[in-house]
C-alpha atoms as a PDB file:
ATOM      1  CA  UNK A   1      24.565   7.112  -1.740  1.00  0.00           C
ATOM      2  CA  UNK A   2      25.955  10.285  -3.677  1.00  0.00           C
ATOM      3  CA  UNK A   3      25.044  11.026  -7.082  1.00  0.00           C
ATOM      4  CA  UNK A   4      28.617  10.048  -8.793  1.00  0.00           C
ATOM      5  CA  UNK A   5      27.848   6.532  -7.405  1.00  0.00           C
ATOM      6  CA  UNK A   6      24.433   6.555  -8.874  1.00  0.00           C
ATOM      7  CA  UNK A   7      25.583   7.835 -12.038  1.00  0.00           C
ATOM      8  CA  UNK A   8      27.975   4.948 -12.265  1.00  0.00           C
ATOM      9  CA  UNK A   9      25.430   2.446 -11.755  1.00  0.00           C
ATOM     10  CA  UNK A  10      23.051   3.422 -14.168  1.00  0.00           C
ATOM     11  CA  UNK A  11      25.933   3.876 -16.884  1.00  0.00           C
ATOM     12  CA  UNK A  12      26.767   0.265 -16.217  1.00  0.00           C
ATOM     13  CA  UNK A  13      23.032  -0.639 -16.690  1.00  0.00           C
ATOM     14  CA  UNK A  14      22.430   1.321 -19.871  1.00  0.00           C
ATOM     15  CA  UNK A  15      22.985  -1.599 -21.655  1.00  0.00           C
ATOM     16  CA  UNK A  16      20.241  -3.979 -22.677  1.00  0.00           C
ATOM     17  CA  UNK A  17      22.310  -7.131 -22.211  1.00  0.00           C
ATOM     18  CA  UNK A  18      23.822  -5.821 -18.808  1.00  0.00           C
ATOM     19  CA  UNK A  19      20.343  -5.149 -17.828  1.00  0.00           C
ATOM     20  CA  UNK A  20      19.325  -8.639 -18.556  1.00  0.00           C
ATOM     21  CA  UNK A  21      22.444 -10.110 -17.002  1.00  0.00           C
ATOM     22  CA  UNK A  22      21.662  -8.404 -13.801  1.00  0.00           C
ATOM     23  CA  UNK A  23      17.846  -9.344 -13.863  1.00  0.00           C
ATOM     24  CA  UNK A  24      19.039 -12.964 -14.563  1.00  0.00           C
ATOM     25  CA  UNK A  25      21.234 -12.906 -11.312  1.00  0.00           C
ATOM     26  CA  UNK A  26      18.474 -11.394  -9.499  1.00  0.00           C
ATOM     27  CA  UNK A  27      16.305 -14.539 -10.253  1.00  0.00           C
ATOM     28  CA  UNK A  28      19.183 -16.814  -9.425  1.00  0.00           C
ATOM     29  CA  UNK A  29      19.332 -15.613  -5.922  1.00  0.00           C
ATOM     30  CA  UNK A  30      22.273 -15.968  -3.573  1.00  0.00           C
ATOM     31  CA  UNK A  31      23.327 -19.170  -5.911  1.00  0.00           C
ATOM     32  CA  UNK A  32      24.173 -16.895  -8.728  1.00  0.00           C
ATOM     33  CA  UNK A  33      25.410 -18.307 -11.946  1.00  0.00           C
ATOM     34  CA  UNK A  34      28.770 -19.173 -13.435  1.00  0.00           C
ATOM     35  CA  UNK A  35      29.629 -17.007 -16.539  1.00  0.00           C
ATOM     36  CA  UNK A  36      29.190 -20.017 -18.896  1.00  0.00           C
ATOM     37  CA  UNK A  37      25.252 -20.330 -17.599  1.00  0.00           C
ATOM     38  CA  UNK A  38      24.573 -16.804 -17.902  1.00  0.00           C
ATOM     39  CA  UNK A  39      26.265 -16.617 -21.315  1.00  0.00           C
ATOM     40  CA  UNK A  40      23.919 -20.136 -22.555  1.00  0.00           C
ATOM     41  CA  UNK A  41      20.787 -18.379 -20.732  1.00  0.00           C
ATOM     42  CA  UNK A  42      21.148 -15.307 -22.539  1.00  0.00           C
ATOM     43  CA  UNK A  43      22.602 -16.472 -25.878  1.00  0.00           C
ATOM     44  CA  UNK A  44      25.776 -13.989 -25.346  1.00  0.00           C
ATOM     45  CA  UNK A  45      29.025 -15.099 -26.674  1.00  0.00           C
ATOM     46  CA  UNK A  46      31.914 -15.373 -24.069  1.00  0.00           C
ATOM     47  CA  UNK A  47      33.933 -12.180 -25.174  1.00  0.00           C
ATOM     48  CA  UNK A  48      30.878 -10.210 -25.268  1.00  0.00           C
ATOM     49  CA  UNK A  49      29.728 -11.641 -22.122  1.00  0.00           C
ATOM     50  CA  UNK A  50      33.032 -10.912 -20.447  1.00  0.00           C
ATOM     51  CA  UNK A  51      33.293  -7.385 -21.237  1.00  0.00           C
ATOM     52  CA  UNK A  52      29.572  -6.913 -19.834  1.00  0.00           C
ATOM     53  CA  UNK A  53      30.051  -8.941 -16.579  1.00  0.00           C
ATOM     54  CA  UNK A  54      33.409  -6.850 -16.048  1.00  0.00           C
ATOM     55  CA  UNK A  55      31.367  -3.531 -16.341  1.00  0.00           C
ATOM     56  CA  UNK A  56      28.603  -4.680 -13.909  1.00  0.00           C
ATOM     57  CA  UNK A  57      31.322  -5.926 -11.513  1.00  0.00           C
ATOM     58  CA  UNK A  58      33.235  -2.640 -11.648  1.00  0.00           C
ATOM     59  CA  UNK A  59      30.105  -0.693 -10.718  1.00  0.00           C
ATOM     60  CA  UNK A  60      29.790  -3.448  -7.761  1.00  0.00           C
ATOM     61  CA  UNK A  61      26.393  -4.364  -9.150  1.00  0.00           C
ATOM     62  CA  UNK A  62      27.793  -7.757  -9.015  1.00  0.00           C
ATOM     63  CA  UNK A  63      30.066  -9.880  -7.101  1.00  0.00           C
ATOM     64  CA  UNK A  64      32.199 -12.246  -8.313  1.00  0.00           C
ATOM     65  CA  UNK A  65      34.057 -15.385  -6.690  1.00  0.00           C
ATOM     66  CA  UNK A  66      36.533 -18.067  -8.114  1.00  0.00           C
ATOM     67  CA  UNK A  67      35.571 -21.301  -8.003  1.00  0.00           C
ATOM     68  CA  UNK A  68      38.014 -23.657  -9.650  1.00  0.00           C
ATOM     69  CA  UNK A  69      38.221 -22.747 -13.047  1.00  0.00           C
ATOM     70  CA  UNK A  70      34.737 -21.026 -13.123  1.00  0.00           C
ATOM     71  CA  UNK A  71      33.526 -17.133 -12.104  1.00  0.00           C
ATOM     72  CA  UNK A  72      30.471 -17.377 -10.192  1.00  0.00           C
ATOM     73  CA  UNK A  73      28.664 -14.168 -10.031  1.00  0.00           C
ATOM     74  CA  UNK A  74      25.776 -12.956  -7.863  1.00  0.00           C
ATOM     75  CA  UNK A  75      23.868  -9.781  -7.998  1.00  0.00           C
ATOM     76  CA  UNK A  76      24.432  -7.388  -5.025  1.00  0.00           C
ATOM     77  CA  UNK A  77      20.909  -6.478  -3.991  1.00  0.00           C
ATOM     78  CA  UNK A  78      21.963  -4.097  -1.179  1.00  0.00           C
ATOM     79  CA  UNK A  79      23.223  -1.946  -3.535  1.00  0.00           C
ATOM     80  CA  UNK A  80      20.266  -1.735  -5.772  1.00  0.00           C
ATOM     81  CA  UNK A  81      18.240  -1.382  -2.699  1.00  0.00           C
ATOM     82  CA  UNK A  82      20.547   1.714  -1.680  1.00  0.00           C
ATOM     83  CA  UNK A  83      20.029   3.139  -5.213  1.00  0.00           C
ATOM     84  CA  UNK A  84      16.115   2.878  -4.885  1.00  0.00           C
ATOM     85  CA  UNK A  85      16.505   4.682  -1.330  1.00  0.00           C
ATOM     86  CA  UNK A  86      18.608   7.177  -3.144  1.00  0.00           C
ATOM     87  CA  UNK A  87      15.932   7.806  -5.668  1.00  0.00           C
ATOM     88  CA  UNK A  88      12.938   8.032  -3.422  1.00  0.00           C
ATOM     89  CA  UNK A  89      14.469   9.741  -0.344  1.00  0.00           C
ATOM     90  CA  UNK A  90      12.745  12.889  -1.423  1.00  0.00           C
ATOM     91  CA  UNK A  91       9.514  11.465  -2.204  1.00  0.00           C
ATOM     92  CA  UNK A  92       6.778  13.797  -1.137  1.00  0.00           C
ATOM     93  CA  UNK A  93       9.595  16.265  -0.141  1.00  0.00           C
ATOM     94  CA  UNK A  94      10.907  13.769   2.314  1.00  0.00           C
ATOM     95  CA  UNK A  95       7.403  13.383   3.829  1.00  0.00           C
ATOM     96  CA  UNK A  96       5.781  10.181   2.066  1.00  0.00           C
ATOM     97  CA  UNK A  97       2.851  10.178   4.396  1.00  0.00           C
ATOM     98  CA  UNK A  98       1.851  13.248   3.139  1.00  0.00           C
ATOM     99  CA  UNK A  99       1.109  11.654  -0.251  1.00  0.00           C
ATOM    100  CA  UNK A 100      -0.436   8.106   0.526  1.00  0.00           C
ATOM    101  CA  UNK A 101      -2.171   8.139  -3.009  1.00  0.00           C
ATOM    102  CA  UNK A 102       1.123   7.689  -4.569  1.00  0.00           C
ATOM    103  CA  UNK A 103       3.640   6.517  -2.015  1.00  0.00           C
ATOM    104  CA  UNK A 104       3.526   4.494   1.126  1.00  0.00           C
ATOM    105  CA  UNK A 105       6.655   3.928   3.584  1.00  0.00           C
ATOM    106  CA  UNK A 106       7.292   0.239   4.307  1.00  0.00           C
ATOM    107  CA  UNK A 107       9.226   1.227   7.127  1.00  0.00           C
ATOM    108  CA  UNK A 108      12.766   1.700   5.596  1.00  0.00           C
ATOM    109  CA  UNK A 109      11.954   5.404   4.246  1.00  0.00           C
ATOM    110  CA  UNK A 110      11.743   4.007   0.628  1.00  0.00           C
ATOM    111  CA  UNK A 111       8.434   4.912  -1.246  1.00  0.00           C
ATOM    112  CA  UNK A 112       6.770   2.221  -2.969  1.00  0.00           C
ATOM    113  CA  UNK A 113       4.015   2.858  -5.221  1.00  0.00           C
ATOM    114  CA  UNK A 114       0.571   1.610  -3.825  1.00  0.00           C
ATOM    115  CA  UNK A 115      -0.837  -1.200  -6.062  1.00  0.00           C
ATOM    116  CA  UNK A 116      -4.435  -0.875  -7.241  1.00  0.00           C
END
């Protein structure tokens, strides 16, 4: 991932509604949700929801598939994992094993805070 891709993702998540949508779809898992369900669960009117879903889809955080007259949205977890890896790639100057009190490598090179 490059800086411009990361910025695009952060810009798309800079709205509280969009962040709520993304988190809802993460919880929904691979099944995702159709637009009407998302709007109902979050109390967002259809025209407002459409605007936010479009922004999240354009940033590739969501995928969308047509199911008859419905659109089903799913969170693209791989992209979020790439973003986290991009943010933490330089953890402890690229050597997370040097700072185990703050990071521990899970095997993918991404640092995760050690829980107490």
